[in-house]
Amino acid sequence: MDDRTPPLTDVSVVVPTFNEAGSIAELLHRLSLLLDPERSEMLVVDDSTDDTVREATAEAERLPHSIRIIHRPHPDGGLSGAVIAGMRLAARRWVVVMDGDLQHPPEAVPLLVITGRERDAGIVLGSRYCAGGRASGLEGRFRHAVSSASTVAARALFPRRLHGCSDPMSGFFAVRLDALDLDALQPRGFKILLEVLVRHRLTLVEVPYDFGARHGGVSKASLANGGAYLRQLVALRLHRTPPLAPATFVTNHHIRATNPDIRHECGRLTPTRGPQHWSRMS
């Protein structure tokens, strides 16, 4: 965060984790440099079989921030279920969702939140595919192809709902908690953003970011998750969604992770619609 930017307030950062002991401490530390220790919080919702909880707890003890670590013995709903569990516990108006492997740069969190506040958006999506975004962290041609095909499939099934959304597969976004009906979400697999966009009418703003290299852990992509994604598409397609409001177009801006100066346009504003707890509280 730039020295001129004050720490973020009224933000809950929800981090679903699965075997990310090698990166979670660094993530929490980097987030701590961005968040107000008294008026923001971090929630780690963990489905791991490794030492992620231990590493997260040790780092939380070193920080003055409000940090809650929730381990789910039974990971109902997969990554999406973990995100919703974190949202239900969130105490702040804006919720930022991001992975625990550092492929989503923590330094871009202020970009999401500040853009949402300035544009009066319901959700701000970090996009790899709008102007200025990059997907350099996707490993090999196969993962690039799978990501592209998944995006094409989603947009083909929901052409109006995802109009103006360049990256419905993104796992990096900020959303106003009061704009969500958490009971309407039916989590399965690891594409929670698609569930949120299709089941709600939210004002969407996109901003670009660089999807970076993985720091520990393994990819969540698998044949099982691919099957869950296809089932999710079918379930969402059969679900009756509320009608869209007329579209409104605005200029969006890109703020560099290390310097929140306005850079260039990106995307458009579009209306879319039994755990264990460890806490380090300030």
Protein backbone atom coordinates (compact mmCIF):
# COMPACT_ATOMS: atom_id res chain seq x y z
CA MET A 1 0.00 0.00 0.00
CA ASP A 2 1.21 3.47 -0.84
CA ASP A 3 2.22 5.56 2.18
CA ARG A 4 -0.41 8.13 1.21
CA THR A 5 -3.25 5.58 1.40
CA PRO A 6 -4.73 5.12 4.89
CA PRO A 7 -5.36 1.58 6.15
CA LEU A 8 -8.62 0.09 4.91
CA THR A 9 -11.57 0.21 7.30
CA ASP A 10 -14.89 -1.64 7.39
CA VAL A 11 -13.46 -4.60 5.44
CA SER A 12 -13.58 -8.34 6.13
CA VAL A 13 -11.12 -10.41 4.09
CA VAL A 14 -12.29 -14.01 3.69
CA VAL A 15 -9.57 -16.52 2.71
CA PRO A 16 -10.64 -20.12 1.99
CA THR A 17 -7.63 -22.41 2.34
CA PHE A 18 -6.75 -25.97 1.43
CA ASN A 19 -3.20 -27.13 2.26
CA GLU A 20 -1.55 -23.71 2.04
CA ALA A 21 0.78 -23.88 5.02
CA GLY A 22 3.60 -22.53 2.85
CA SER A 23 1.88 -19.26 1.98
CA ILE A 24 -0.75 -18.37 4.58
CA ALA A 25 1.61 -16.60 7.01
CA GLU A 26 2.99 -14.33 4.30
CA LEU A 27 -0.53 -13.58 3.08
CA LEU A 28 -1.71 -12.54 6.55
CA HIS A 29 1.37 -10.39 7.06
CA ARG A 30 0.94 -8.59 3.75
CA LEU A 31 -2.76 -8.04 4.43
CA SER A 32 -1.89 -6.61 7.85
CA LEU A 33 0.02 -3.81 6.12
CA LEU A 34 -3.16 -2.79 4.29
CA LEU A 35 -5.93 -3.17 6.89
CA ASP A 36 -6.82 -1.05 9.89
CA PRO A 37 -6.14 -3.33 12.88
CA GLU A 38 -9.20 -2.10 14.79
CA ARG A 39 -11.76 -1.56 12.03
CA SER A 40 -11.11 -4.45 9.63
CA GLU A 41 -10.69 -8.19 10.02
CA MET A 42 -9.34 -11.36 8.38
CA LEU A 43 -11.13 -14.70 8.35
CA VAL A 44 -9.32 -17.88 7.30
CA VAL A 45 -11.75 -20.72 6.59
CA ASP A 46 -9.67 -23.84 6.38
CA ASP A 47 -10.36 -27.29 4.91
CA SER A 48 -6.72 -28.42 5.05
CA THR A 49 -5.06 -31.67 5.98
CA ASP A 50 -1.66 -30.03 6.51
CA ASP A 51 -0.33 -27.40 8.95
CA THR A 52 -2.20 -24.43 7.50
CA VAL A 53 -4.08 -23.78 10.75
CA ARG A 54 -0.87 -23.96 12.79
CA GLU A 55 0.96 -21.53 10.48
CA ALA A 56 -1.99 -19.15 10.36
CA THR A 57 -2.41 -19.20 14.14
CA ALA A 58 1.28 -18.52 14.72
CA GLU A 59 1.22 -15.52 12.39
CA ALA A 60 -2.02 -14.23 13.92
CA GLU A 61 -0.36 -14.21 17.34
CA ARG A 62 2.27 -11.81 15.98
CA LEU A 63 -0.23 -9.32 14.56
CA PRO A 64 -2.47 -6.78 16.31
CA HIS A 65 -5.36 -7.38 13.90
CA SER A 66 -8.65 -9.20 14.36
CA ILE A 67 -7.97 -12.60 12.77
CA ARG A 68 -10.32 -15.56 12.99
CA ILE A 69 -9.21 -19.01 11.86
CA ILE A 70 -11.98 -21.53 11.31
CA HIS A 71 -11.14 -25.17 10.55
CA ARG A 72 -13.96 -27.21 9.02
CA PRO A 73 -13.60 -30.96 9.72
CA HIS A 74 -16.26 -31.58 7.07
CA PRO A 75 -15.73 -29.23 4.08
CA ASP A 76 -19.34 -28.98 2.96
CA GLY A 77 -19.70 -27.19 -0.37
CA GLY A 78 -15.96 -27.19 -1.06
CA LEU A 79 -14.25 -23.85 -1.53
CA SER A 80 -17.57 -22.14 -2.22
CA GLY A 81 -18.95 -23.46 1.05
CA ALA A 82 -15.88 -22.14 2.87
CA VAL A 83 -16.41 -18.68 1.38
CA ILE A 84 -20.05 -18.59 2.44
CA ALA A 85 -19.11 -19.78 5.93
CA GLY A 86 -16.69 -16.86 6.15
CA MET A 87 -19.27 -14.40 4.84
CA ARG A 88 -21.73 -15.51 7.52
CA LEU A 89 -19.16 -14.65 10.17
CA ALA A 90 -18.03 -11.38 8.57
CA ALA A 91 -18.70 -8.26 10.65
CA ARG A 92 -17.80 -5.55 8.11
CA ARG A 93 -19.73 -3.98 5.24
CA TRP A 94 -17.28 -4.95 2.48
CA VAL A 95 -16.12 -8.55 2.10
CA VAL A 96 -13.05 -9.32 0.00
CA VAL A 97 -12.68 -12.93 -1.17
CA MET A 98 -9.24 -14.17 -2.19
CA ASP A 99 -7.18 -17.35 -2.37
CA GLY A 100 -4.56 -18.27 0.21
CA ASP A 101 -1.77 -19.16 -2.24
CA LEU A 102 -0.79 -15.54 -3.12
CA GLN A 103 -1.92 -15.83 -6.75
CA HIS A 104 -4.30 -13.01 -5.84
CA PRO A 105 -1.98 -10.13 -4.84
CA PRO A 106 -2.88 -8.73 -1.41
CA GLU A 107 -1.68 -5.30 -2.52
CA ALA A 108 -4.62 -5.15 -4.98
CA VAL A 109 -7.20 -5.40 -2.17
CA PRO A 110 -7.37 -1.58 -1.74
CA LEU A 111 -8.07 -1.31 -5.48
CA LEU A 112 -11.16 -3.48 -5.14
CA VAL A 113 -12.57 -1.78 -2.06
CA ILE A 114 -11.81 1.83 -3.00
CA THR A 115 -13.23 1.31 -6.50
CA GLY A 116 -16.40 -0.18 -5.03
CA ARG A 117 -16.89 2.76 -2.71
CA GLU A 118 -16.14 5.39 -5.33
CA ARG A 119 -18.40 3.77 -7.94
CA ASP A 120 -21.17 2.82 -5.51
CA ALA A 121 -20.90 -0.76 -6.79
CA GLY A 122 -22.39 -3.90 -5.31
CA ILE A 123 -19.45 -6.04 -6.39
CA VAL A 124 -15.97 -5.33 -7.76
CA LEU A 125 -14.35 -8.12 -9.72
CA GLY A 126 -10.62 -8.58 -10.11
CA SER A 127 -10.32 -9.66 -13.75
CA ARG A 128 -7.48 -11.42 -15.52
CA TYR A 129 -9.00 -10.79 -18.92
CA CYS A 130 -10.11 -7.16 -19.14
CA ALA A 131 -7.69 -4.53 -20.45
CA GLY A 132 -4.58 -4.47 -18.26
CA GLY A 133 -5.23 -7.85 -16.62
CA ARG A 134 -2.92 -10.85 -16.93
CA ALA A 135 -3.17 -14.59 -16.24
CA SER A 136 0.54 -15.25 -16.00
CA GLY A 137 0.06 -17.63 -13.05
CA LEU A 138 -1.96 -20.17 -15.03
CA GLU A 139 0.32 -23.17 -15.40
CA GLY A 140 0.67 -24.35 -18.98
CA ARG A 141 -1.50 -24.32 -22.06
CA PHE A 142 -3.96 -26.85 -20.65
CA ARG A 143 -4.98 -24.65 -17.70
CA HIS A 144 -5.26 -21.64 -20.02
CA ALA A 145 -7.52 -23.68 -22.30
CA VAL A 146 -9.65 -24.94 -19.42
CA SER A 147 -10.04 -21.42 -18.01
CA SER A 148 -11.03 -20.03 -21.40
CA ALA A 149 -13.47 -22.86 -22.11
CA SER A 150 -15.08 -22.49 -18.67
CA THR A 151 -15.55 -18.77 -19.24
CA VAL A 152 -17.04 -19.31 -22.69
CA ALA A 153 -19.46 -21.93 -21.33
CA ALA A 154 -20.65 -19.68 -18.52
CA ARG A 155 -21.16 -16.67 -20.77
CA ALA A 156 -22.97 -18.80 -23.36
CA LEU A 157 -25.45 -20.07 -20.76
CA PHE A 158 -25.94 -16.68 -19.09
CA PRO A 159 -25.40 -14.10 -21.86
CA ARG A 160 -27.48 -11.39 -20.18
CA ARG A 161 -26.54 -12.06 -16.59
CA LEU A 162 -22.79 -12.07 -17.40
CA HIS A 163 -22.89 -9.31 -19.99
CA GLY A 164 -19.86 -7.10 -19.41
CA CYS A 165 -18.18 -9.67 -17.12
CA SER A 166 -14.88 -10.74 -18.67
CA ASP A 167 -13.83 -13.20 -15.93
CA PRO A 168 -16.75 -14.99 -14.24
CA MET A 169 -14.29 -17.69 -13.10
CA SER A 170 -12.33 -15.24 -10.95
CA GLY A 171 -11.96 -15.98 -7.26
CA PHE A 172 -10.82 -12.45 -6.38
CA PHE A 173 -13.55 -9.92 -5.68
CA ALA A 174 -15.03 -7.50 -3.17
CA VAL A 175 -18.76 -7.45 -2.47
CA ARG A 176 -21.04 -5.42 -0.22
CA LEU A 177 -22.33 -7.85 2.37
CA ASP A 178 -25.67 -6.06 2.63
CA ALA A 179 -26.23 -6.65 -1.10
CA LEU A 180 -26.14 -10.45 -0.72
CA ASP A 181 -28.79 -12.99 0.20
CA LEU A 182 -26.54 -15.70 1.60
CA ASP A 183 -29.46 -18.10 1.98
CA ALA A 184 -30.03 -17.96 -1.79
CA LEU A 185 -26.55 -19.31 -2.51
CA GLN A 186 -26.13 -23.04 -3.05
CA PRO A 187 -22.38 -23.64 -2.82
CA ARG A 188 -20.71 -26.44 -4.72
CA GLY A 189 -17.20 -26.68 -6.10
CA PHE A 190 -14.93 -23.65 -6.27
CA LYS A 191 -16.63 -21.05 -8.50
CA ILE A 192 -18.43 -18.96 -5.92
CA LEU A 193 -18.37 -15.75 -8.01
CA LEU A 194 -20.53 -17.34 -10.73
CA GLU A 195 -23.06 -18.35 -8.07
CA VAL A 196 -23.13 -14.81 -6.66
CA LEU A 197 -23.54 -13.10 -10.04
CA VAL A 198 -26.27 -15.36 -11.37
CA ARG A 199 -28.38 -15.44 -8.19
CA HIS A 200 -28.26 -11.69 -7.50
CA ARG A 201 -28.80 -8.37 -9.22
CA LEU A 202 -25.60 -6.53 -8.36
CA THR A 203 -23.93 -3.50 -9.89
CA LEU A 204 -20.64 -4.89 -11.20
CA VAL A 205 -17.35 -3.08 -11.77
CA GLU A 206 -14.26 -4.83 -13.14
CA VAL A 207 -10.65 -3.90 -12.44
CA PRO A 208 -7.57 -5.65 -13.86
CA TYR A 209 -4.97 -7.55 -11.88
CA ASP A 210 -2.10 -9.94 -12.55
CA PHE A 211 -2.93 -13.50 -11.51
CA GLY A 212 0.47 -14.47 -10.14
CA ALA A 213 2.51 -17.60 -9.56
CA ARG A 214 1.46 -20.00 -6.82
CA HIS A 215 3.38 -19.84 -3.52
CA GLY A 216 2.86 -23.26 -1.99
CA GLY A 217 -0.15 -25.56 -2.12
CA VAL A 218 -1.54 -27.23 -5.20
CA SER A 219 -4.10 -26.25 -7.80
CA LYS A 220 -7.76 -26.80 -6.88
CA ALA A 221 -8.49 -27.75 -10.48
CA SER A 222 -9.32 -31.44 -10.85
CA LEU A 223 -11.67 -33.74 -12.74
CA ALA A 224 -13.94 -33.81 -9.67
CA ASN A 225 -14.07 -30.02 -9.53
CA GLY A 226 -14.64 -29.93 -13.28
CA GLY A 227 -17.66 -32.18 -12.82
CA ALA A 228 -18.90 -30.02 -9.96
CA TYR A 229 -18.57 -26.94 -12.18
CA LEU A 230 -20.68 -28.54 -14.93
CA ARG A 231 -23.34 -29.50 -12.39
CA GLN A 232 -23.25 -25.95 -11.05
CA LEU A 233 -23.85 -24.54 -14.54
CA VAL A 234 -26.83 -26.83 -15.05
CA ALA A 235 -28.30 -26.02 -11.63
CA LEU A 236 -27.89 -22.29 -12.18
CA ARG A 237 -29.37 -22.49 -15.69
CA LEU A 238 -32.48 -24.20 -14.33
CA HIS A 239 -32.78 -21.65 -11.52
CA ARG A 240 -35.12 -18.75 -12.19
CA THR A 241 -33.18 -15.51 -11.75
CA PRO A 242 -34.64 -12.01 -11.23
CA PRO A 243 -34.86 -9.72 -14.27
CA LEU A 244 -32.00 -7.42 -15.13
CA ALA A 245 -32.13 -3.67 -14.70
CA PRO A 246 -31.06 -1.46 -17.64
CA ALA A 247 -27.29 -1.40 -18.05
CA THR A 248 -25.25 1.65 -17.04
CA PHE A 249 -21.79 2.20 -18.48
CA VAL A 250 -18.97 4.03 -16.74
CA THR A 251 -15.19 4.26 -16.82
CA ASN A 252 -13.33 1.92 -14.50
CA HIS A 253 -9.76 2.42 -13.39
CA HIS A 254 -6.72 0.32 -12.64
CA ILE A 255 -4.68 1.12 -9.53
CA ARG A 256 -1.24 -0.41 -9.32
CA ALA A 257 -0.76 -2.67 -6.33
CA THR A 258 2.17 -0.63 -5.01
CA ASN A 259 0.86 2.82 -5.93
CA PRO A 260 -2.85 3.65 -6.05
CA ASP A 261 -2.58 6.13 -8.92
CA ILE A 262 -5.24 5.91 -11.61
CA ARG A 263 -3.87 4.15 -14.66
CA HIS A 264 -6.38 3.33 -17.39
CA GLU A 265 -9.86 2.14 -18.29
CA CYS A 266 -11.11 -1.39 -17.81
CA GLY A 267 -14.48 -3.02 -18.30
CA ARG A 268 -17.89 -1.56 -17.66
CA LEU A 269 -20.43 -1.08 -14.90
CA THR A 270 -23.26 -3.56 -15.38
CA PRO A 271 -26.22 -4.53 -13.15
CA THR A 272 -26.17 -8.34 -12.60
CA ARG A 273 -27.75 -9.86 -9.86
CA GLY A 274 -19.73 -27.54 12.89
CA PRO A 275 -16.33 -25.82 12.68
CA GLN A 276 -13.48 -25.17 15.09
CA HIS A 277 -12.41 -21.56 15.71
CA TRP A 278 -9.09 -19.98 16.57
CA SER A 279 -9.08 -16.22 17.04
CA ARG A 280 -6.52 -13.47 17.47
CA MET A 281 -8.61 -10.43 18.32
CA SER A 282 -7.27 -6.92 18.67
